[in-house]
């Protein structure tokens, strides 16, 4: 039940923390921002719960809620705010970073470092990063971070390389099937290979 403190009155967590009534009371939480589709909003006296019904997919429009959530966090002067999603790794950190940019006057780079210092294992999906970049550009007229593209998947060893024309046409030359060998031929070949081979680390 890891709860990360971002500011004296702003907290970030996964879906389990808001279900702990004692923790909510201890932290002085009066506003819960629930950035999930299905996790329950607990009913506590004097605690308001906002639902941000967004899935953790790159195509999800979390950015549509940046201003609204940031304004509600900023306006919750009488108590603490807990922002959570399922694991506290993608949706809720993105919302908190948007708030920090909007009302704490920091860049996206600084907002990311700020949240990461308190919660090192955050991992926003690429779509949320893109929406945060657009938000930063709207607020400050420039971007301070650049999201590196994911590296291409590694080709399994022994996979034939495609020529440029094959890549364009999607055609792959078929490799002829090896002729069948008898058991004696296989044994003889294996013995020769062992005598002339050396170990190579891969």
N, C-alpha and C. Protein backbone atom coordinates (compact mmCIF):
# COMPACT_ATOMS: atom_id res chain seq x y z
N UNK A 1 0.85 -1.19 0.00
CA UNK A 1 0.00 0.00 0.00
C UNK A 1 0.88 1.24 0.00
N UNK A 2 1.63 1.43 -1.06
CA UNK A 2 2.58 2.53 -1.13
C UNK A 2 1.85 3.83 -1.47
N UNK A 3 1.97 4.80 -0.58
CA UNK A 3 1.43 6.13 -0.82
C UNK A 3 2.61 7.10 -0.91
N UNK A 4 2.70 7.80 -2.00
CA UNK A 4 3.81 8.73 -2.23
C UNK A 4 3.34 10.16 -2.00
N UNK A 5 4.10 10.90 -1.19
CA UNK A 5 3.75 12.30 -0.91
C UNK A 5 4.47 13.20 -1.90
N UNK A 6 3.70 13.93 -2.68
CA UNK A 6 4.25 14.82 -3.71
C UNK A 6 4.46 16.22 -3.16
N UNK A 7 3.48 16.72 -2.44
CA UNK A 7 3.56 17.99 -1.72
C UNK A 7 2.99 17.73 -0.32
N UNK A 8 3.04 18.69 0.57
CA UNK A 8 2.47 18.45 1.90
C UNK A 8 1.01 18.02 1.89
N UNK A 9 0.27 18.35 0.83
CA UNK A 9 -1.16 18.01 0.80
C UNK A 9 -1.56 17.20 -0.43
N UNK A 10 -0.60 16.71 -1.20
CA UNK A 10 -0.91 15.95 -2.42
C UNK A 10 -0.22 14.60 -2.37
N UNK A 11 -1.02 13.55 -2.57
CA UNK A 11 -0.52 12.19 -2.46
C UNK A 11 -0.88 11.39 -3.71
N UNK A 12 -0.08 10.37 -3.97
CA UNK A 12 -0.22 9.55 -5.17
C UNK A 12 -0.15 8.08 -4.76
N UNK A 13 -1.05 7.25 -5.33
CA UNK A 13 -1.06 5.84 -4.92
C UNK A 13 -1.74 4.98 -5.96
N UNK A 14 -1.76 3.67 -5.67
CA UNK A 14 -2.56 2.73 -6.43
C UNK A 14 -3.96 2.64 -5.85
N UNK A 15 -4.71 1.64 -6.31
CA UNK A 15 -6.13 1.57 -5.95
C UNK A 15 -6.39 1.07 -4.54
N UNK A 16 -5.39 0.51 -3.87
CA UNK A 16 -5.64 -0.04 -2.54
C UNK A 16 -5.67 1.02 -1.44
N UNK A 17 -4.86 2.07 -1.58
CA UNK A 17 -4.74 3.07 -0.52
C UNK A 17 -6.05 3.76 -0.17
N UNK A 18 -6.85 4.21 -1.13
CA UNK A 18 -8.09 4.90 -0.75
C UNK A 18 -9.11 4.01 -0.04
N UNK A 19 -8.92 2.70 -0.08
CA UNK A 19 -9.83 1.80 0.61
C UNK A 19 -9.49 1.68 2.09
N UNK A 20 -8.37 2.23 2.50
CA UNK A 20 -7.94 2.20 3.90
C UNK A 20 -8.43 3.46 4.59
N UNK A 21 -9.51 3.32 5.33
CA UNK A 21 -10.12 4.48 5.98
C UNK A 21 -9.17 5.15 6.96
N UNK A 22 -8.39 4.36 7.69
CA UNK A 22 -7.45 4.92 8.65
C UNK A 22 -6.39 5.77 7.97
N UNK A 23 -5.90 5.32 6.83
CA UNK A 23 -4.88 6.07 6.10
C UNK A 23 -5.45 7.38 5.56
N UNK A 24 -6.66 7.31 5.02
CA UNK A 24 -7.31 8.52 4.49
C UNK A 24 -7.48 9.55 5.60
N UNK A 25 -7.88 9.09 6.78
CA UNK A 25 -8.07 9.99 7.92
C UNK A 25 -6.73 10.55 8.39
N UNK A 26 -5.71 9.68 8.46
CA UNK A 26 -4.40 10.11 8.95
C UNK A 26 -3.77 11.16 8.05
N UNK A 27 -3.94 11.02 6.74
CA UNK A 27 -3.35 11.96 5.79
C UNK A 27 -4.20 13.22 5.62
N UNK A 28 -5.34 13.26 6.24
CA UNK A 28 -6.21 14.44 6.11
C UNK A 28 -6.80 14.58 4.73
N UNK A 29 -7.08 13.46 4.07
CA UNK A 29 -7.59 13.49 2.70
C UNK A 29 -9.05 13.94 2.69
N UNK A 30 -9.33 14.94 1.87
CA UNK A 30 -10.72 15.39 1.69
C UNK A 30 -11.15 15.30 0.23
N UNK A 31 -10.21 14.95 -0.66
CA UNK A 31 -10.53 14.79 -2.08
C UNK A 31 -9.76 13.60 -2.64
N UNK A 32 -10.49 12.66 -3.25
CA UNK A 32 -9.88 11.50 -3.90
C UNK A 32 -10.17 11.59 -5.39
N UNK A 33 -9.12 11.52 -6.20
CA UNK A 33 -9.26 11.50 -7.66
C UNK A 33 -9.01 10.06 -8.11
N UNK A 34 -10.05 9.41 -8.59
CA UNK A 34 -10.01 8.00 -8.97
C UNK A 34 -9.89 7.91 -10.49
N UNK A 35 -8.68 7.66 -10.98
CA UNK A 35 -8.44 7.60 -12.43
C UNK A 35 -8.48 6.16 -12.93
N UNK A 36 -9.61 5.50 -12.71
CA UNK A 36 -9.81 4.13 -13.19
C UNK A 36 -11.21 4.00 -13.77
N UNK A 37 -11.42 2.91 -14.48
CA UNK A 37 -12.74 2.65 -15.04
C UNK A 37 -13.65 1.92 -14.07
N UNK A 38 -13.07 1.06 -13.22
CA UNK A 38 -13.92 0.15 -12.46
C UNK A 38 -13.67 0.11 -10.97
N UNK A 39 -12.54 0.61 -10.48
CA UNK A 39 -12.30 0.54 -9.04
C UNK A 39 -13.28 1.45 -8.31
N UNK A 40 -13.75 0.96 -7.18
CA UNK A 40 -14.80 1.66 -6.44
C UNK A 40 -14.30 2.97 -5.84
N UNK A 41 -15.22 3.92 -5.75
CA UNK A 41 -14.97 5.17 -5.03
C UNK A 41 -15.51 5.01 -3.62
N UNK A 42 -14.66 4.94 -2.62
CA UNK A 42 -15.14 4.75 -1.25
C UNK A 42 -15.91 5.96 -0.76
N UNK A 43 -16.88 5.71 0.09
CA UNK A 43 -17.71 6.79 0.65
C UNK A 43 -17.28 7.06 2.09
N UNK A 44 -16.61 8.19 2.29
CA UNK A 44 -16.19 8.59 3.62
C UNK A 44 -16.83 9.95 3.94
N UNK A 45 -17.21 10.17 5.19
CA UNK A 45 -17.77 11.47 5.55
C UNK A 45 -16.75 12.59 5.31
N UNK A 46 -17.18 13.63 4.63
CA UNK A 46 -16.32 14.78 4.39
C UNK A 46 -15.28 14.59 3.32
N UNK A 47 -15.37 13.48 2.55
CA UNK A 47 -14.40 13.21 1.49
C UNK A 47 -15.13 13.14 0.15
N UNK A 48 -14.70 13.96 -0.80
CA UNK A 48 -15.28 13.96 -2.14
C UNK A 48 -14.45 13.06 -3.05
N UNK A 49 -15.11 12.32 -3.92
CA UNK A 49 -14.40 11.44 -4.85
C UNK A 49 -14.75 11.82 -6.29
N UNK A 50 -13.72 12.12 -7.07
CA UNK A 50 -13.90 12.44 -8.49
C UNK A 50 -13.50 11.24 -9.32
N UNK A 51 -14.30 10.91 -10.29
CA UNK A 51 -13.99 9.80 -11.19
C UNK A 51 -13.44 10.33 -12.51
N UNK A 52 -12.28 9.81 -12.91
CA UNK A 52 -11.70 10.10 -14.22
C UNK A 52 -11.72 8.78 -14.99
N UNK A 53 -12.77 8.53 -15.77
CA UNK A 53 -12.98 7.21 -16.38
C UNK A 53 -12.13 6.99 -17.64
N UNK A 54 -10.86 6.73 -17.43
CA UNK A 54 -9.92 6.58 -18.54
C UNK A 54 -9.15 5.27 -18.36
N UNK A 55 -8.98 4.52 -19.44
CA UNK A 55 -8.19 3.29 -19.39
C UNK A 55 -6.71 3.62 -19.57
N UNK A 56 -5.87 2.69 -19.18
CA UNK A 56 -4.43 2.89 -19.30
C UNK A 56 -3.96 2.40 -20.67
N UNK A 57 -4.41 3.09 -21.70
CA UNK A 57 -4.03 2.78 -23.08
C UNK A 57 -3.49 4.05 -23.73
N UNK A 58 -2.52 3.92 -24.64
CA UNK A 58 -1.98 5.11 -25.29
C UNK A 58 -3.04 5.94 -26.02
N UNK A 59 -4.12 5.30 -26.45
CA UNK A 59 -5.16 6.02 -27.19
C UNK A 59 -6.16 6.72 -26.27
N UNK A 60 -6.11 6.45 -24.97
CA UNK A 60 -7.07 7.04 -24.03
C UNK A 60 -6.83 8.54 -23.89
N UNK A 61 -7.92 9.32 -23.83
CA UNK A 61 -7.83 10.78 -23.81
C UNK A 61 -7.75 11.32 -22.38
N UNK A 62 -6.66 10.97 -21.69
CA UNK A 62 -6.46 11.48 -20.34
C UNK A 62 -6.28 12.99 -20.34
N UNK A 63 -5.69 13.52 -21.40
CA UNK A 63 -5.45 14.96 -21.48
C UNK A 63 -6.70 15.80 -21.42
N UNK A 64 -7.85 15.21 -21.75
CA UNK A 64 -9.11 15.95 -21.66
C UNK A 64 -9.44 16.34 -20.22
N UNK A 65 -8.80 15.67 -19.25
CA UNK A 65 -9.10 15.91 -17.84
C UNK A 65 -8.00 16.70 -17.13
N UNK A 66 -6.93 17.05 -17.82
CA UNK A 66 -5.81 17.73 -17.15
C UNK A 66 -6.25 19.01 -16.45
N UNK A 67 -6.91 19.90 -17.17
CA UNK A 67 -7.31 21.19 -16.58
C UNK A 67 -8.30 21.00 -15.44
N UNK A 68 -9.28 20.13 -15.66
CA UNK A 68 -10.33 19.93 -14.66
C UNK A 68 -9.76 19.38 -13.36
N UNK A 69 -8.94 18.33 -13.46
CA UNK A 69 -8.36 17.72 -12.27
C UNK A 69 -7.39 18.69 -11.59
N UNK A 70 -6.56 19.36 -12.37
CA UNK A 70 -5.61 20.31 -11.78
C UNK A 70 -6.34 21.42 -11.02
N UNK A 71 -7.43 21.90 -11.58
CA UNK A 71 -8.21 22.95 -10.92
C UNK A 71 -8.81 22.45 -9.61
N UNK A 72 -9.31 21.21 -9.61
CA UNK A 72 -9.91 20.67 -8.39
C UNK A 72 -8.85 20.43 -7.32
N UNK A 73 -7.67 19.96 -7.71
CA UNK A 73 -6.60 19.79 -6.73
C UNK A 73 -6.20 21.14 -6.15
N UNK A 74 -6.04 22.12 -7.01
CA UNK A 74 -5.64 23.45 -6.57
C UNK A 74 -6.68 24.07 -5.65
N UNK A 75 -7.93 23.80 -5.93
CA UNK A 75 -9.00 24.39 -5.13
C UNK A 75 -9.28 23.68 -3.82
N UNK A 76 -8.66 22.53 -3.60
CA UNK A 76 -8.90 21.78 -2.37
C UNK A 76 -7.97 22.28 -1.26
N UNK A 77 -8.25 23.47 -0.80
CA UNK A 77 -7.37 24.12 0.17
C UNK A 77 -7.58 23.63 1.60
N UNK A 78 -8.72 23.03 1.86
CA UNK A 78 -9.03 22.66 3.24
C UNK A 78 -8.54 21.30 3.66
N UNK A 79 -7.88 20.56 2.77
CA UNK A 79 -7.43 19.22 3.14
C UNK A 79 -6.49 18.66 2.09
N UNK A 80 -6.20 17.38 2.24
CA UNK A 80 -5.28 16.72 1.32
C UNK A 80 -6.01 16.09 0.15
N UNK A 81 -5.26 15.84 -0.91
CA UNK A 81 -5.81 15.21 -2.12
C UNK A 81 -5.02 13.94 -2.41
N UNK A 82 -5.74 12.87 -2.68
CA UNK A 82 -5.12 11.60 -3.07
C UNK A 82 -5.52 11.30 -4.51
N UNK A 83 -4.53 11.20 -5.40
CA UNK A 83 -4.78 10.87 -6.80
C UNK A 83 -4.31 9.43 -7.00
N UNK A 84 -5.17 8.60 -7.53
CA UNK A 84 -4.78 7.20 -7.69
C UNK A 84 -5.33 6.63 -8.99
N UNK A 85 -4.67 5.57 -9.47
CA UNK A 85 -5.18 4.73 -10.56
C UNK A 85 -5.06 3.29 -10.07
N UNK A 86 -4.89 2.34 -10.95
CA UNK A 86 -4.83 0.95 -10.50
C UNK A 86 -3.52 0.65 -9.76
N UNK A 87 -2.40 1.08 -10.34
CA UNK A 87 -1.10 0.79 -9.74
C UNK A 87 -0.32 2.03 -9.34
N UNK A 88 -0.81 3.21 -9.68
CA UNK A 88 -0.09 4.43 -9.36
C UNK A 88 1.16 4.61 -10.20
N UNK A 89 1.13 4.11 -11.43
CA UNK A 89 2.32 4.15 -12.28
C UNK A 89 2.15 4.96 -13.56
N UNK A 90 0.92 5.14 -14.04
CA UNK A 90 0.75 5.78 -15.35
C UNK A 90 -0.29 6.90 -15.33
N UNK A 91 -1.55 6.56 -15.13
CA UNK A 91 -2.60 7.57 -15.21
C UNK A 91 -2.49 8.62 -14.11
N UNK A 92 -2.39 8.17 -12.86
CA UNK A 92 -2.35 9.14 -11.75
C UNK A 92 -1.08 9.99 -11.76
N UNK A 93 0.12 9.44 -12.04
CA UNK A 93 1.28 10.32 -12.15
C UNK A 93 1.13 11.36 -13.26
N UNK A 94 0.52 10.98 -14.37
CA UNK A 94 0.32 11.94 -15.46
C UNK A 94 -0.57 13.10 -15.01
N UNK A 95 -1.63 12.79 -14.28
CA UNK A 95 -2.53 13.84 -13.78
C UNK A 95 -1.80 14.75 -12.79
N UNK A 96 -0.99 14.16 -11.93
CA UNK A 96 -0.24 14.95 -10.96
C UNK A 96 0.78 15.84 -11.67
N UNK A 97 1.45 15.32 -12.68
CA UNK A 97 2.42 16.13 -13.43
C UNK A 97 1.74 17.29 -14.14
N UNK A 98 0.54 17.05 -14.66
CA UNK A 98 -0.21 18.14 -15.29
C UNK A 98 -0.55 19.22 -14.27
N UNK A 99 -0.95 18.82 -13.06
CA UNK A 99 -1.23 19.79 -12.00
C UNK A 99 0.01 20.61 -11.66
N UNK A 100 1.15 19.93 -11.53
CA UNK A 100 2.39 20.64 -11.18
C UNK A 100 2.76 21.66 -12.24
N UNK A 101 2.56 21.32 -13.49
CA UNK A 101 2.83 22.28 -14.57
C UNK A 101 1.87 23.45 -14.50
N UNK A 102 0.60 23.16 -14.26
CA UNK A 102 -0.44 24.19 -14.34
C UNK A 102 -0.40 25.16 -13.15
N UNK A 103 -0.20 24.62 -11.95
CA UNK A 103 -0.33 25.48 -10.77
C UNK A 103 0.95 25.64 -9.95
N UNK A 104 1.98 24.86 -10.25
CA UNK A 104 3.26 25.05 -9.56
C UNK A 104 4.30 25.69 -10.46
N UNK A 105 3.91 25.98 -11.71
CA UNK A 105 4.77 26.73 -12.61
C UNK A 105 6.05 26.02 -13.03
N UNK A 106 6.02 24.69 -13.08
CA UNK A 106 7.23 23.96 -13.45
C UNK A 106 7.07 23.38 -14.85
N UNK A 107 8.18 23.07 -15.48
CA UNK A 107 8.16 22.45 -16.80
C UNK A 107 7.82 20.97 -16.67
N UNK A 108 7.58 20.34 -17.79
CA UNK A 108 7.31 18.90 -17.78
C UNK A 108 8.52 18.13 -17.28
N UNK A 109 9.71 18.57 -17.66
CA UNK A 109 10.93 17.91 -17.17
C UNK A 109 11.00 17.95 -15.65
N UNK A 110 10.76 19.13 -15.08
CA UNK A 110 10.82 19.27 -13.62
C UNK A 110 9.68 18.51 -12.95
N UNK A 111 8.50 18.54 -13.56
CA UNK A 111 7.36 17.83 -12.98
C UNK A 111 7.62 16.33 -12.93
N UNK A 112 8.22 15.81 -13.98
CA UNK A 112 8.54 14.39 -14.01
C UNK A 112 9.56 14.04 -12.93
N UNK A 113 10.62 14.84 -12.81
CA UNK A 113 11.63 14.60 -11.78
C UNK A 113 11.00 14.70 -10.38
N UNK A 114 10.13 15.67 -10.21
CA UNK A 114 9.48 15.89 -8.92
C UNK A 114 8.71 14.64 -8.49
N UNK A 115 7.89 14.12 -9.38
CA UNK A 115 7.09 12.94 -9.05
C UNK A 115 7.98 11.71 -8.91
N UNK A 116 8.97 11.59 -9.78
CA UNK A 116 9.84 10.41 -9.76
C UNK A 116 10.68 10.35 -8.49
N UNK A 117 11.01 11.49 -7.92
CA UNK A 117 11.77 11.50 -6.67
C UNK A 117 10.97 10.84 -5.54
N UNK A 118 9.66 11.03 -5.56
CA UNK A 118 8.82 10.44 -4.52
C UNK A 118 8.33 9.04 -4.88
N UNK A 119 8.22 8.77 -6.19
CA UNK A 119 7.71 7.48 -6.66
C UNK A 119 8.56 7.02 -7.85
N UNK A 120 9.70 6.38 -7.58
CA UNK A 120 10.68 6.10 -8.64
C UNK A 120 10.19 5.16 -9.73
N UNK A 121 9.15 4.35 -9.46
CA UNK A 121 8.74 3.33 -10.42
C UNK A 121 7.58 3.76 -11.32
N UNK A 122 7.34 5.05 -11.46
CA UNK A 122 6.28 5.47 -12.39
C UNK A 122 6.70 5.13 -13.82
N UNK A 123 5.70 4.80 -14.64
CA UNK A 123 5.98 4.45 -16.04
C UNK A 123 4.76 4.82 -16.88
N UNK A 124 4.75 6.02 -17.39
CA UNK A 124 3.63 6.50 -18.21
C UNK A 124 3.68 5.86 -19.58
N UNK A 125 2.51 5.57 -20.14
CA UNK A 125 2.51 5.03 -21.50
C UNK A 125 2.78 6.16 -22.50
N UNK A 126 3.12 5.78 -23.73
CA UNK A 126 3.55 6.75 -24.74
C UNK A 126 2.47 7.77 -25.07
N UNK A 127 1.22 7.34 -25.05
CA UNK A 127 0.12 8.25 -25.36
C UNK A 127 -0.02 9.35 -24.33
N UNK A 128 0.15 9.01 -23.05
CA UNK A 128 0.06 10.02 -21.99
C UNK A 128 1.23 10.99 -22.06
N UNK A 129 2.40 10.49 -22.42
CA UNK A 129 3.54 11.39 -22.60
C UNK A 129 3.26 12.40 -23.71
N UNK A 130 2.71 11.92 -24.80
CA UNK A 130 2.41 12.81 -25.92
C UNK A 130 1.40 13.89 -25.50
N UNK A 131 0.40 13.50 -24.70
CA UNK A 131 -0.60 14.47 -24.25
C UNK A 131 0.00 15.47 -23.26
N UNK A 132 0.93 15.02 -22.43
CA UNK A 132 1.62 15.94 -21.52
C UNK A 132 2.51 16.92 -22.30
N UNK A 133 3.15 16.44 -23.35
CA UNK A 133 3.95 17.32 -24.20
C UNK A 133 3.08 18.40 -24.84
N UNK A 134 1.90 18.00 -25.30
CA UNK A 134 0.98 18.98 -25.88
C UNK A 134 0.52 19.98 -24.83
N UNK A 135 0.29 19.50 -23.61
CA UNK A 135 -0.14 20.38 -22.52
C UNK A 135 0.97 21.37 -22.16
N UNK A 136 2.21 20.88 -22.07
CA UNK A 136 3.33 21.77 -21.78
C UNK A 136 3.49 22.82 -22.87
N UNK A 137 3.34 22.41 -24.11
CA UNK A 137 3.46 23.35 -25.23
C UNK A 137 2.38 24.42 -25.14
N UNK A 138 1.19 24.01 -24.73
CA UNK A 138 0.10 24.97 -24.60
C UNK A 138 0.35 25.95 -23.46
N UNK A 139 0.92 25.46 -22.35
CA UNK A 139 1.16 26.32 -21.20
C UNK A 139 2.37 27.23 -21.38
N UNK A 140 3.46 26.70 -21.97
CA UNK A 140 4.73 27.42 -21.99
C UNK A 140 5.25 27.73 -23.39
N UNK A 141 4.57 27.24 -24.40
CA UNK A 141 4.99 27.52 -25.76
C UNK A 141 6.19 26.75 -26.24
N UNK A 142 6.66 25.80 -25.46
CA UNK A 142 7.82 25.00 -25.85
C UNK A 142 7.80 23.69 -25.06
N UNK A 143 8.63 22.76 -25.48
CA UNK A 143 8.78 21.49 -24.78
C UNK A 143 10.18 21.37 -24.20
N UNK A 144 10.27 20.77 -23.02
CA UNK A 144 11.55 20.62 -22.34
C UNK A 144 12.03 19.18 -22.31
N UNK A 145 11.22 18.26 -22.79
CA UNK A 145 11.63 16.85 -22.86
C UNK A 145 11.28 16.31 -24.23
N UNK A 146 11.95 15.24 -24.59
CA UNK A 146 11.65 14.55 -25.84
C UNK A 146 11.57 13.06 -25.53
N UNK A 147 10.49 12.45 -25.93
CA UNK A 147 10.28 11.04 -25.65
C UNK A 147 11.01 10.21 -26.70
N UNK A 148 11.92 9.37 -26.25
CA UNK A 148 12.67 8.53 -27.18
C UNK A 148 11.78 7.42 -27.70
N UNK A 149 11.83 7.13 -29.00
CA UNK A 149 11.02 6.03 -29.54
C UNK A 149 11.48 4.70 -28.99
N UNK A 150 10.54 3.75 -28.88
CA UNK A 150 10.90 2.42 -28.41
C UNK A 150 11.78 1.74 -29.46
N UNK A 151 12.81 1.02 -29.01
CA UNK A 151 13.67 0.32 -29.98
C UNK A 151 12.90 -0.76 -30.70
N UNK A 152 13.25 -1.04 -31.96
CA UNK A 152 12.55 -2.10 -32.69
C UNK A 152 12.83 -3.45 -32.06
N UNK A 153 11.92 -4.40 -32.19
CA UNK A 153 12.14 -5.73 -31.62
C UNK A 153 13.36 -6.40 -32.24
N UNK A 154 14.09 -7.13 -31.42
CA UNK A 154 15.28 -7.80 -31.89
C UNK A 154 14.92 -8.98 -32.78
N UNK A 155 15.68 -9.16 -33.84
CA UNK A 155 15.44 -10.27 -34.76
C UNK A 155 16.02 -11.55 -34.18
N UNK A 156 15.26 -12.63 -34.09
CA UNK A 156 15.79 -13.89 -33.56
C UNK A 156 16.99 -14.35 -34.37
N UNK A 157 17.98 -14.98 -33.70
CA UNK A 157 19.15 -15.48 -34.42
C UNK A 157 18.76 -16.44 -35.54
N UNK A 158 19.43 -16.32 -36.68
CA UNK A 158 19.16 -17.22 -37.78
C UNK A 158 18.06 -16.78 -38.70
N UNK A 159 17.41 -15.63 -38.38
CA UNK A 159 16.35 -15.14 -39.25
C UNK A 159 16.95 -14.50 -40.50
N UNK A 160 16.52 -14.90 -41.71
CA UNK A 160 17.07 -14.29 -42.93
C UNK A 160 16.79 -12.80 -42.98
N UNK A 161 17.77 -12.03 -43.42
CA UNK A 161 17.58 -10.58 -43.56
C UNK A 161 16.85 -10.28 -44.86
N UNK A 162 15.97 -9.30 -44.81
CA UNK A 162 15.22 -8.90 -46.00
C UNK A 162 15.98 -7.82 -46.76
N UNK A 163 15.98 -7.91 -48.07
CA UNK A 163 16.51 -6.83 -48.89
C UNK A 163 15.51 -5.68 -48.89
N UNK A 164 15.94 -4.52 -49.39
CA UNK A 164 15.04 -3.37 -49.42
C UNK A 164 13.80 -3.66 -50.26
N UNK A 165 13.99 -4.33 -51.40
CA UNK A 165 12.83 -4.63 -52.25
C UNK A 165 11.89 -5.61 -51.57
N UNK A 166 12.44 -6.56 -50.81
CA UNK A 166 11.60 -7.50 -50.10
C UNK A 166 10.84 -6.82 -48.98
N UNK A 167 11.49 -5.84 -48.29
CA UNK A 167 10.81 -5.10 -47.24
C UNK A 167 9.64 -4.32 -47.80
N UNK A 168 9.82 -3.78 -49.01
CA UNK A 168 8.76 -2.97 -49.61
C UNK A 168 7.61 -3.84 -50.09
N UNK A 169 7.93 -5.02 -50.61
CA UNK A 169 6.87 -5.88 -51.15
C UNK A 169 6.33 -6.86 -50.13
N UNK A 170 7.07 -7.03 -49.03
CA UNK A 170 6.62 -7.96 -48.01
C UNK A 170 6.90 -9.41 -48.38
N UNK A 171 7.75 -9.66 -49.40
CA UNK A 171 8.04 -11.01 -49.84
C UNK A 171 9.33 -11.50 -49.21
N UNK A 172 9.36 -12.76 -48.86
CA UNK A 172 10.54 -13.38 -48.27
C UNK A 172 10.90 -14.59 -49.11
N UNK A 173 12.16 -14.65 -49.55
CA UNK A 173 12.61 -15.78 -50.35
C UNK A 173 12.60 -17.04 -49.50
N UNK A 174 12.02 -18.10 -50.02
CA UNK A 174 11.96 -19.35 -49.28
C UNK A 174 13.32 -20.01 -49.27
N UNK A 175 13.70 -20.53 -48.10
CA UNK A 175 14.97 -21.24 -47.96
C UNK A 175 14.74 -22.71 -48.24
N UNK A 176 15.51 -23.34 -49.16
CA UNK A 176 15.30 -24.76 -49.47
C UNK A 176 15.45 -25.62 -48.23
N UNK A 177 14.62 -26.64 -48.15
CA UNK A 177 14.68 -27.55 -47.01
C UNK A 177 15.93 -28.40 -47.10
N UNK A 178 16.61 -28.61 -45.95
CA UNK A 178 17.82 -29.41 -45.93
C UNK A 178 17.49 -30.86 -46.23
N UNK A 179 18.38 -31.58 -46.96
CA UNK A 179 18.13 -32.99 -47.23
C UNK A 179 18.17 -33.81 -45.96
N UNK A 180 17.40 -34.91 -45.95
CA UNK A 180 17.37 -35.79 -44.79
C UNK A 180 18.69 -36.52 -44.67
N UNK A 181 19.15 -36.72 -43.44
CA UNK A 181 20.39 -37.43 -43.18
C UNK A 181 20.09 -38.68 -42.37
N UNK A 182 20.88 -39.73 -42.62
CA UNK A 182 20.72 -40.95 -41.84
C UNK A 182 21.29 -40.73 -40.45
N UNK A 183 20.98 -41.66 -39.50
CA UNK A 183 21.49 -41.54 -38.14
C UNK A 183 23.02 -41.57 -38.14
N UNK A 184 23.63 -42.44 -39.00
CA UNK A 184 25.09 -42.53 -39.04
C UNK A 184 25.70 -41.22 -39.54
N UNK A 185 25.06 -40.60 -40.54
CA UNK A 185 25.57 -39.33 -41.05
C UNK A 185 25.49 -38.23 -40.00
N UNK A 186 24.39 -38.21 -39.23
CA UNK A 186 24.22 -37.22 -38.17
C UNK A 186 25.30 -37.37 -37.12
N UNK A 187 25.57 -38.64 -36.70
CA UNK A 187 26.58 -38.89 -35.67
C UNK A 187 27.96 -38.48 -36.15
N UNK A 188 28.30 -38.85 -37.40
CA UNK A 188 29.61 -38.49 -37.95
C UNK A 188 29.78 -36.99 -38.05
N UNK A 189 28.73 -36.30 -38.49
CA UNK A 189 28.79 -34.84 -38.62
C UNK A 189 28.96 -34.17 -37.27
N UNK A 190 28.26 -34.68 -36.26
CA UNK A 190 28.35 -34.10 -34.92
C UNK A 190 29.74 -34.27 -34.35
N UNK A 191 30.37 -35.46 -34.58
CA UNK A 191 31.73 -35.68 -34.08
C UNK A 191 32.72 -34.72 -34.71
N UNK A 192 32.60 -34.50 -36.02
CA UNK A 192 33.49 -33.57 -36.69
C UNK A 192 33.32 -32.15 -36.17
N UNK A 193 32.07 -31.79 -35.88
CA UNK A 193 31.79 -30.43 -35.39
C UNK A 193 32.42 -30.21 -34.03
N UNK A 194 32.34 -31.25 -33.15
CA UNK A 194 32.91 -31.10 -31.81
C UNK A 194 34.42 -30.96 -31.85
N UNK A 195 35.07 -31.69 -32.78
CA UNK A 195 36.54 -31.62 -32.86
C UNK A 195 37.01 -30.25 -33.35
N UNK A 196 36.25 -29.60 -34.20
CA UNK A 196 36.73 -28.35 -34.78
C UNK A 196 36.03 -27.12 -34.26
N UNK A 197 35.28 -27.21 -33.16
CA UNK A 197 34.50 -26.08 -32.67
C UNK A 197 35.18 -25.43 -31.49
N UNK A 198 34.74 -24.17 -31.19
CA UNK A 198 35.19 -23.47 -29.99
C UNK A 198 34.01 -22.71 -29.42
N UNK A 199 34.04 -22.46 -28.13
CA UNK A 199 32.93 -21.82 -27.45
C UNK A 199 32.93 -20.33 -27.74
N UNK A 200 31.75 -19.81 -28.08
CA UNK A 200 31.58 -18.38 -28.33
C UNK A 200 30.50 -17.86 -27.41
N UNK A 201 30.79 -16.83 -26.64
CA UNK A 201 29.80 -16.23 -25.75
C UNK A 201 28.90 -15.30 -26.54
N UNK A 202 27.59 -15.42 -26.31
CA UNK A 202 26.64 -14.55 -26.99
C UNK A 202 25.87 -13.74 -25.98
